Amino acid sequence: MMSEKCKRKCNRKRLILTTVLVMVAGFIIPILGNTGVGSEREEAGRVLKLHEVQRIEDAQVDYYLKSPRDIQIAPDGSLFVVDEDQLLKFDANGQFIKNLYKKGQGPGELEGISDLIISDDTLIVLQGQPNKIMLMSHDSEFIREFRPKPRVSRLCAVHDGIFVTARYGPPKLDKVGDEAKIIDVSWTLGYISDNQTVQELELEFPVRWFAKRIAGGKALIASHIAEFIAKSYKDKYLVICHAEEYKLRLFDLDQKQIVKDFGREYRRVRFKQDDSGRVEIRPEVFRFVPPVKHLNDVQQLFIRGDYIWVMTSTIEAGKGVLFDVFNEQGEYVDHFYLPLQQSVIAEALEDLPLTFQKDHIYVVEYDEDDLPSIVKYRIAAQK
């Protein structure tokens, strides 16, 4: 018989399409603390030095690491990992506590996790389909849940007790059977108060998709070109990126408007796909590449105290991934290199689970058998 380890390895040999299926009828979608970085301009361009201090691997008893896609740290140092049908909790020392995920469709149960926000004593979970927002304690004690109206696609922040969400509207693609084409899909922000109704703003954020209508016009298959990224900043802003080019937008949560656009000149990075339009992001794991020449300039955003850290698509040999640093005024104040696992390629950065805590970083790494582990590194002095 095939071992559980071999089964999980085989299951990972797949083509990653980053695909969204949208049913038109009903609109159903499966789908600083300061480390010393970001404040010393004269040290710009340095390579951070990482020392491994902890590695979380399969327990093979209480849980399996399958394909971790989100890592978050609670204020008390606890670690929460979203991994398929698991929401794994570890203590600050990396010891497994429990799986908080209860599969099902009843109160306190989940069919999937689209977004997770952690407050001092509460986990706020967004489930994509059926669409609901659920609140529970850090120990999985159910608090409440509700279904937002209309449905939402992202949970961006909690501001003064109000949920700040985002959703995309129905993609506009008229004909059935035509060749796939690049289209703009509009994202909007919304606020949810106690009545569970989403108060949508008129401001739109276009995001490019590569899409084709199928199934008699009732559905379309689409691959994202750009991504809609929104990060809570200083409890009064969202930092938003929704374009392929290097452009960040500062949205004031009280004024409910964009107050600043900023970025910098950036040398774009080209995709390195094969003749079939795929990129091998890990051994025998592929990503489909839409018909564009360049990667998105901004791969991920991180908030570190007063600073905005931008993970770019640049990887320098012998240095690592290029991070840029901006302040609240949108000024480009610093950059540095983070030496991640050598096998990481630029085409895999946007989906790389990674988070920072004070002078530590947590990141998912894969071994030669394509099995994941969660590694904690201490950020030491620069090289």
Protein backbone atom coordinates (compact mmCIF):
# COMPACT_ATOMS: atom_id res chain seq x y z
CA MET A 1 0.00 0.00 0.00
CA MET A 2 1.08 3.55 -0.66
CA SER A 3 2.21 5.43 2.43
CA GLU A 4 0.48 8.64 3.52
CA LYS A 5 3.69 10.52 2.74
CA CYS A 6 3.75 9.17 -0.83
CA LYS A 7 0.08 9.95 -1.33
CA ARG A 8 0.61 13.54 -0.30
CA LYS A 9 3.66 13.81 -2.55
CA CYS A 10 1.68 12.53 -5.55
CA ASN A 11 -1.22 14.86 -4.82
CA ARG A 12 1.15 17.81 -5.12
CA LYS A 13 2.14 16.88 -8.70
CA ARG A 14 -0.41 19.08 -10.33
CA LEU A 15 -0.79 22.08 -12.59
CA ILE A 16 -1.60 25.22 -10.58
CA LEU A 17 -3.94 27.29 -12.72
CA THR A 18 -4.92 30.00 -10.22
CA THR A 19 -8.35 29.64 -11.75
CA VAL A 20 -11.68 31.10 -10.70
CA LEU A 21 -15.03 29.63 -11.78
CA VAL A 22 -17.85 32.15 -11.75
CA MET A 23 -21.48 31.12 -12.15
CA VAL A 24 -23.42 34.06 -13.55
CA ALA A 25 -26.70 32.90 -12.05
CA GLY A 26 -26.33 33.48 -8.33
CA PHE A 27 -22.71 34.66 -8.74
CA ILE A 28 -21.14 31.58 -7.09
CA ILE A 29 -17.35 31.43 -6.86
CA PRO A 30 -15.48 28.21 -5.91
CA ILE A 31 -12.48 29.51 -5.74
CA LEU A 32 8.03 46.92 12.87
CA GLY A 33 8.14 45.98 15.77
CA ASN A 34 11.41 47.46 14.53
CA THR A 35 14.21 45.09 13.58
CA GLY A 36 16.42 47.96 12.56
CA VAL A 37 15.29 47.55 8.96
CA GLY A 38 13.57 50.45 7.28
CA SER A 39 15.11 53.26 9.30
CA GLU A 40 18.77 53.44 8.24
CA ARG A 41 18.98 54.78 4.71
CA GLU A 42 22.77 54.48 4.67
CA GLU A 43 22.45 50.70 5.03
CA ALA A 44 20.15 50.35 2.01
CA GLY A 45 20.86 47.33 -0.17
CA ARG A 46 22.12 45.11 2.65
CA VAL A 47 21.49 41.36 2.75
CA LEU A 48 19.80 40.21 5.93
CA LYS A 49 21.27 37.20 7.65
CA LEU A 50 18.88 34.45 8.79
CA HIS A 51 19.52 31.88 11.53
CA GLU A 52 17.14 28.94 11.78
CA VAL A 53 15.73 28.56 15.29
CA GLN A 54 12.73 26.30 14.78
CA ARG A 55 11.24 23.92 12.19
CA ILE A 56 7.68 22.59 12.31
CA GLU A 57 7.20 19.38 10.36
CA ASP A 58 4.53 16.71 10.10
CA ALA A 59 3.53 15.22 13.43
CA GLN A 60 1.92 12.28 11.53
CA VAL A 61 -0.42 11.84 14.48
CA ASP A 62 -2.53 14.92 15.13
CA TYR A 63 -2.07 16.77 11.82
CA TYR A 64 -0.37 16.73 8.44
CA LEU A 65 1.15 19.70 6.70
CA LYS A 66 -0.37 19.56 3.22
CA SER A 67 -0.10 22.89 1.38
CA PRO A 68 0.09 25.69 3.96
CA ARG A 69 -1.05 28.96 2.36
CA ASP A 70 -1.24 31.44 5.24
CA ILE A 71 0.75 31.93 8.46
CA GLN A 72 -0.27 34.47 11.09
CA ILE A 73 1.00 35.32 14.56
CA ALA A 74 -1.30 36.21 17.47
CA PRO A 75 -0.34 38.92 19.98
CA ASP A 76 0.69 36.23 22.51
CA GLY A 77 3.07 34.64 19.99
CA SER A 78 0.80 31.74 19.05
CA LEU A 79 1.09 30.59 15.44
CA PHE A 80 -1.96 29.94 13.24
CA VAL A 81 -1.60 28.10 9.93
CA VAL A 82 -4.28 27.84 7.24
CA ASP A 83 -3.72 24.57 5.38
CA GLU A 84 -6.56 23.24 3.20
CA ASP A 85 -9.18 21.87 5.63
CA GLN A 86 -7.08 22.70 8.67
CA LEU A 87 -6.60 25.75 10.89
CA LEU A 88 -3.63 24.65 12.96
CA LYS A 89 -2.63 26.35 16.19
CA PHE A 90 0.89 26.14 17.65
CA ASP A 91 2.20 27.82 20.77
CA ALA A 92 5.03 30.35 20.74
CA ASN A 93 7.54 27.48 21.02
CA GLY A 94 6.18 25.68 17.97
CA GLN A 95 4.34 22.98 19.92
CA PHE A 96 1.12 21.82 18.28
CA ILE A 97 -2.01 22.76 20.24
CA LYS A 98 -5.00 21.75 18.11
CA ASN A 99 -6.76 21.93 14.76
CA LEU A 100 -9.47 24.57 15.12
CA TYR A 101 -11.16 23.67 11.83
CA LYS A 102 -14.54 21.96 12.15
CA LYS A 103 -15.70 20.78 8.75
CA GLY A 104 -19.35 21.22 7.87
CA GLN A 105 -22.01 23.77 7.07
CA GLY A 106 -23.51 24.34 10.50
CA PRO A 107 -22.80 27.12 13.01
CA GLY A 108 -19.10 27.14 13.88
CA GLU A 109 -18.28 24.83 10.97
CA LEU A 110 -16.37 25.60 7.78
CA GLU A 111 -16.16 24.52 4.14
CA GLY A 112 -13.02 26.56 3.51
CA ILE A 113 -11.07 29.63 4.62
CA SER A 114 -10.61 32.58 2.27
CA ASP A 115 -9.24 35.10 4.78
CA LEU A 116 -8.23 35.23 8.42
CA ILE A 117 -7.79 38.19 10.77
CA ILE A 118 -6.45 37.76 14.31
CA SER A 119 -7.27 40.18 17.11
CA ASP A 120 -6.20 40.02 20.76
CA ASP A 121 -8.72 37.30 21.65
CA THR A 122 -10.69 36.55 18.48
CA LEU A 123 -10.20 34.82 15.14
CA ILE A 124 -12.27 36.31 12.32
CA VAL A 125 -12.66 33.90 9.41
CA LEU A 126 -14.07 34.58 5.97
CA GLN A 127 -15.53 31.57 4.15
CA GLY A 128 -15.92 32.04 0.42
CA GLN A 129 -18.71 29.61 -0.43
CA PRO A 130 -21.22 29.51 1.17
CA ASN A 131 -20.25 33.07 2.01
CA LYS A 132 -20.06 33.86 5.73
CA ILE A 133 -17.94 35.57 8.35
CA MET A 134 -17.34 33.59 11.54
CA LEU A 135 -15.87 34.71 14.87
CA MET A 136 -14.33 32.30 17.36
CA SER A 137 -11.89 32.41 20.25
CA HIS A 138 -8.24 31.48 19.88
CA ASP A 139 -9.20 28.08 21.34
CA SER A 140 -11.96 27.53 18.72
CA GLU A 141 -14.89 28.44 20.97
CA PHE A 142 -17.66 29.58 18.63
CA ILE A 143 -18.80 33.18 19.15
CA ARG A 144 -21.06 34.03 16.21
CA GLU A 145 -21.33 34.03 12.44
CA PHE A 146 -23.31 35.85 9.78
CA ARG A 147 -23.79 35.99 6.02
CA PRO A 148 -22.83 39.38 4.55
CA LYS A 149 -25.23 40.89 2.01
CA PRO A 150 -24.10 41.14 -0.72
CA ARG A 151 -21.39 38.48 -0.62
CA VAL A 152 -17.77 39.53 -0.10
CA SER A 153 -14.51 38.18 -1.52
CA ARG A 154 -11.95 39.48 0.98
CA LEU A 155 -11.79 40.47 4.63
CA CYS A 156 -9.36 43.40 4.78
CA ALA A 157 -9.53 44.88 8.29
CA VAL A 158 -11.55 45.53 11.40
CA HIS A 159 -11.77 49.28 12.04
CA ASP A 160 -13.57 50.65 15.12
CA GLY A 161 -15.56 47.42 15.33
CA ILE A 162 -16.61 47.56 11.67
CA PHE A 163 -15.56 44.89 9.18
CA VAL A 164 -13.85 46.31 6.09
CA THR A 165 -14.29 43.97 3.13
CA ALA A 166 -13.68 43.81 -0.61
CA ARG A 167 -15.50 42.10 -3.43
CA TYR A 168 -15.27 41.89 -7.18
CA GLY A 169 -18.21 42.42 -9.49
CA PRO A 170 -19.38 40.07 -12.25
CA PRO A 171 -16.72 39.96 -14.97
CA LYS A 172 -17.92 41.49 -18.25
CA LEU A 173 -17.28 39.05 -21.07
CA ASP A 174 -20.06 38.85 -23.61
CA LYS A 175 -19.57 36.07 -26.15
CA VAL A 176 -19.37 32.32 -25.64
CA GLY A 177 -16.68 30.33 -27.44
CA ASP A 178 -14.39 33.21 -28.35
CA GLU A 179 -10.73 33.02 -27.54
CA ALA A 180 -9.80 33.97 -23.99
CA LYS A 181 -9.08 37.66 -23.57
CA ILE A 182 -7.71 40.08 -21.01
CA ILE A 183 -10.46 41.96 -19.17
CA ASP A 184 -10.73 44.42 -16.29
CA VAL A 185 -12.62 43.19 -13.23
CA SER A 186 -13.73 45.86 -10.77
CA TRP A 187 -13.12 45.45 -7.05
CA THR A 188 -14.92 47.61 -4.49
CA LEU A 189 -14.56 48.11 -0.75
CA GLY A 190 -17.40 47.71 1.74
CA TYR A 191 -18.14 48.31 5.43
CA ILE A 192 -20.20 45.89 7.54
CA SER A 193 -21.77 47.12 10.77
CA ASP A 194 -24.08 45.23 13.14
CA ASN A 195 -26.89 44.78 10.62
CA GLN A 196 -24.69 42.51 8.44
CA THR A 197 -25.39 44.62 5.36
CA VAL A 198 -22.38 45.66 3.30
CA GLN A 199 -22.26 49.38 2.63
CA GLU A 200 -20.33 49.43 -0.63
CA LEU A 201 -18.25 52.41 -1.71
CA GLU A 202 -18.34 53.77 -5.24
CA LEU A 203 -14.56 53.75 -5.59
CA GLU A 204 -13.45 50.98 -7.97
CA PHE A 205 -10.13 49.17 -8.29
CA PRO A 206 -9.72 47.48 -11.71
CA VAL A 207 -7.79 44.21 -11.72
CA ARG A 208 -6.84 42.46 -14.97
CA TRP A 209 -7.92 38.86 -15.57
CA PHE A 210 -7.40 36.47 -18.49
CA ALA A 211 -10.84 34.97 -19.07
CA LYS A 212 -13.09 32.96 -21.35
CA ARG A 213 -16.83 32.30 -21.12
CA ILE A 214 -17.93 28.64 -21.14
CA ALA A 215 -20.92 26.40 -20.40
CA GLY A 216 -23.43 28.18 -22.57
CA GLY A 217 -22.51 31.55 -21.15
CA LYS A 218 -23.38 30.69 -17.56
CA ALA A 219 -19.80 30.52 -16.33
CA LEU A 220 -16.33 31.67 -17.18
CA ILE A 221 -12.90 30.35 -16.48
CA ALA A 222 -10.35 32.95 -15.51
CA SER A 223 -6.77 33.34 -14.38
CA HIS A 224 -5.71 36.42 -12.45
CA ILE A 225 -3.03 38.57 -14.03
CA ALA A 226 -2.87 41.19 -11.29
CA GLU A 227 -3.99 40.62 -7.70
CA PHE A 228 -6.02 42.77 -5.35
CA ILE A 229 -3.86 43.21 -2.23
CA ALA A 230 -5.05 45.21 0.80
CA LYS A 231 -3.24 45.43 4.14
CA SER A 232 -4.38 47.20 7.30
CA TYR A 233 -1.90 49.93 8.28
CA LYS A 234 -1.72 51.87 11.57
CA ASP A 235 -5.41 51.14 12.23
CA LYS A 236 -6.42 54.01 9.96
CA TYR A 237 -5.42 53.03 6.43
CA LEU A 238 -5.45 50.25 3.91
CA VAL A 239 -2.37 49.94 1.70
CA ILE A 240 -3.70 48.70 -1.63
CA CYS A 241 -2.07 47.34 -4.76
CA HIS A 242 -4.23 46.22 -7.69
CA ALA A 243 -2.02 46.74 -10.75
CA GLU A 244 0.78 44.84 -12.42
CA GLU A 245 3.04 47.90 -12.28
CA TYR A 246 4.65 49.34 -9.16
CA LYS A 247 1.84 51.46 -7.75
CA LEU A 248 0.62 51.57 -4.14
CA ARG A 249 -2.45 53.41 -2.89
CA LEU A 250 -3.16 54.64 0.63
CA PHE A 251 -6.86 54.44 1.51
CA ASP A 252 -8.05 56.36 4.59
CA LEU A 253 -10.57 54.23 6.47
CA ASP A 254 -12.30 57.23 8.08
CA GLN A 255 -12.37 59.50 5.05
CA LYS A 256 -13.24 56.51 2.83
CA GLN A 257 -11.05 57.72 0.01
CA ILE A 258 -7.60 57.39 -1.50
CA VAL A 259 -5.31 59.98 0.08
CA LYS A 260 -2.03 59.09 -1.63
CA ASP A 261 -0.63 57.15 -4.60
CA PHE A 262 3.03 56.25 -4.49
CA GLY A 263 5.68 53.83 -5.76
CA ARG A 264 9.04 54.00 -7.44
CA GLU A 265 10.77 53.39 -10.77
CA TYR A 266 11.32 49.67 -11.09
CA ARG A 267 13.01 47.37 -13.58
CA ARG A 268 10.36 44.79 -14.41
CA VAL A 269 11.03 41.03 -14.25
CA ARG A 270 10.03 38.78 -17.15
CA PHE A 271 8.17 35.49 -16.82
CA LYS A 272 10.24 32.40 -17.62
CA GLN A 273 7.60 30.00 -18.91
CA ASP A 274 8.16 26.95 -21.13
CA ASP A 275 6.72 26.47 -24.62
CA SER A 276 3.39 25.31 -23.19
CA GLY A 277 2.98 28.52 -21.18
CA ARG A 278 3.80 26.96 -17.80
CA VAL A 279 6.35 27.64 -15.09
CA GLU A 280 7.58 24.87 -12.80
CA ILE A 281 7.42 26.55 -9.39
CA ARG A 282 8.46 23.40 -7.50
CA PRO A 283 9.43 19.92 -8.74
CA GLU A 284 6.52 18.72 -10.92
CA VAL A 285 4.26 21.55 -9.67
CA PHE A 286 3.39 24.04 -12.38
CA ARG A 287 1.80 27.45 -12.71
CA PHE A 288 -0.03 28.57 -15.84
CA VAL A 289 1.19 31.93 -17.20
CA PRO A 290 -1.34 34.31 -18.81
CA PRO A 291 -0.24 36.06 -22.04
CA VAL A 292 1.76 38.81 -20.37
CA LYS A 293 5.51 39.37 -20.46
CA HIS A 294 6.22 40.47 -16.92
CA LEU A 295 5.54 39.40 -13.37
CA ASN A 296 3.64 41.77 -11.12
CA ASP A 297 6.13 44.24 -9.68
CA VAL A 298 4.60 43.97 -6.20
CA GLN A 299 4.30 40.38 -5.04
CA GLN A 300 3.26 40.86 -1.39
CA LEU A 301 2.84 43.62 1.19
CA PHE A 302 3.81 43.55 4.87
CA ILE A 303 3.27 46.10 7.62
CA ARG A 304 6.18 46.48 10.04
CA GLY A 305 5.47 49.09 12.68
CA ASP A 306 5.43 52.49 10.94
CA TYR A 307 6.74 51.06 7.69
CA ILE A 308 5.34 49.37 4.60
CA TRP A 309 7.49 46.53 3.30
CA VAL A 310 7.07 45.57 -0.36
CA MET A 311 8.16 42.15 -1.59
CA THR A 312 9.14 42.74 -5.22
CA SER A 313 9.55 40.19 -8.02
CA THR A 314 13.33 40.73 -8.08
CA ILE A 315 15.59 37.87 -6.92
CA GLU A 316 19.30 38.57 -7.00
CA ALA A 317 21.69 35.61 -7.09
CA GLY A 318 23.67 35.41 -3.86
CA LYS A 319 21.43 37.99 -2.19
CA GLY A 320 17.80 36.90 -2.23
CA VAL A 321 14.43 38.60 -2.69
CA LEU A 322 14.41 42.39 -2.93
CA PHE A 323 12.21 44.19 -0.38
CA ASP A 324 11.48 47.93 -0.56
CA VAL A 325 10.48 50.07 2.42
CA PHE A 326 8.11 53.07 2.42
CA ASN A 327 6.93 55.34 5.22
CA GLU A 328 3.47 56.80 5.89
CA GLN A 329 4.19 59.73 3.58
CA GLY A 330 4.78 57.31 0.70
CA GLU A 331 8.51 58.04 0.66
CA TYR A 332 10.86 55.29 -0.51
CA VAL A 333 13.27 55.12 2.41
CA ASP A 334 15.09 51.80 2.23
CA HIS A 335 15.58 48.44 0.53
CA PHE A 336 17.17 45.15 1.53
CA TYR A 337 17.48 41.52 0.41
CA LEU A 338 15.98 38.53 2.19
CA PRO A 339 17.83 35.24 1.47
CA LEU A 340 14.95 32.76 1.28
CA GLN A 341 15.23 29.09 0.31
CA GLN A 342 17.39 28.84 -2.82
CA SER A 343 14.75 26.87 -4.72
CA VAL A 344 12.23 29.74 -4.49
CA ILE A 345 11.70 31.39 -7.87
CA ALA A 346 10.12 34.74 -8.69
CA GLU A 347 7.02 33.11 -10.22
CA ALA A 348 6.21 31.53 -6.82
CA LEU A 349 6.60 34.60 -4.62
CA GLU A 350 3.02 35.88 -4.66
CA ASP A 351 1.73 32.66 -3.06
CA LEU A 352 4.62 32.11 -0.66
CA PRO A 353 3.32 31.89 2.95
CA LEU A 354 5.54 34.23 4.96
CA THR A 355 5.14 36.49 7.97
CA PHE A 356 7.30 38.57 10.30
CA GLN A 357 7.28 38.84 14.09
CA LYS A 358 9.67 41.31 15.73
CA ASP A 359 13.13 40.05 14.74
CA HIS A 360 11.89 36.71 13.38
CA ILE A 361 10.43 35.45 10.15
CA TYR A 362 8.20 32.41 9.54
CA VAL A 363 8.16 30.90 6.05
CA VAL A 364 7.00 27.67 4.38
CA GLU A 365 9.77 25.63 2.77
CA TYR A 366 9.57 22.42 0.71
CA ASP A 367 12.07 19.55 0.80
CA GLU A 368 13.28 17.38 -2.08
CA ASP A 369 10.11 15.26 -1.80
CA ASP A 370 7.97 18.43 -2.07
CA LEU A 371 6.82 18.07 1.54
CA PRO A 372 6.37 21.33 3.46
CA SER A 373 7.67 22.54 6.78
CA ILE A 374 7.26 25.85 8.59
CA VAL A 375 10.59 27.39 9.46
CA LYS A 376 11.27 30.17 11.95
CA TYR A 377 14.39 32.24 11.39
CA ARG A 378 15.97 34.91 13.52
CA ILE A 379 16.90 38.01 11.54
CA ALA A 380 20.47 38.69 12.56
CA ALA A 381 22.98 41.38 11.67
CA GLN A 382 23.49 42.18 8.03
CA LYS A 383 26.12 40.40 6.01
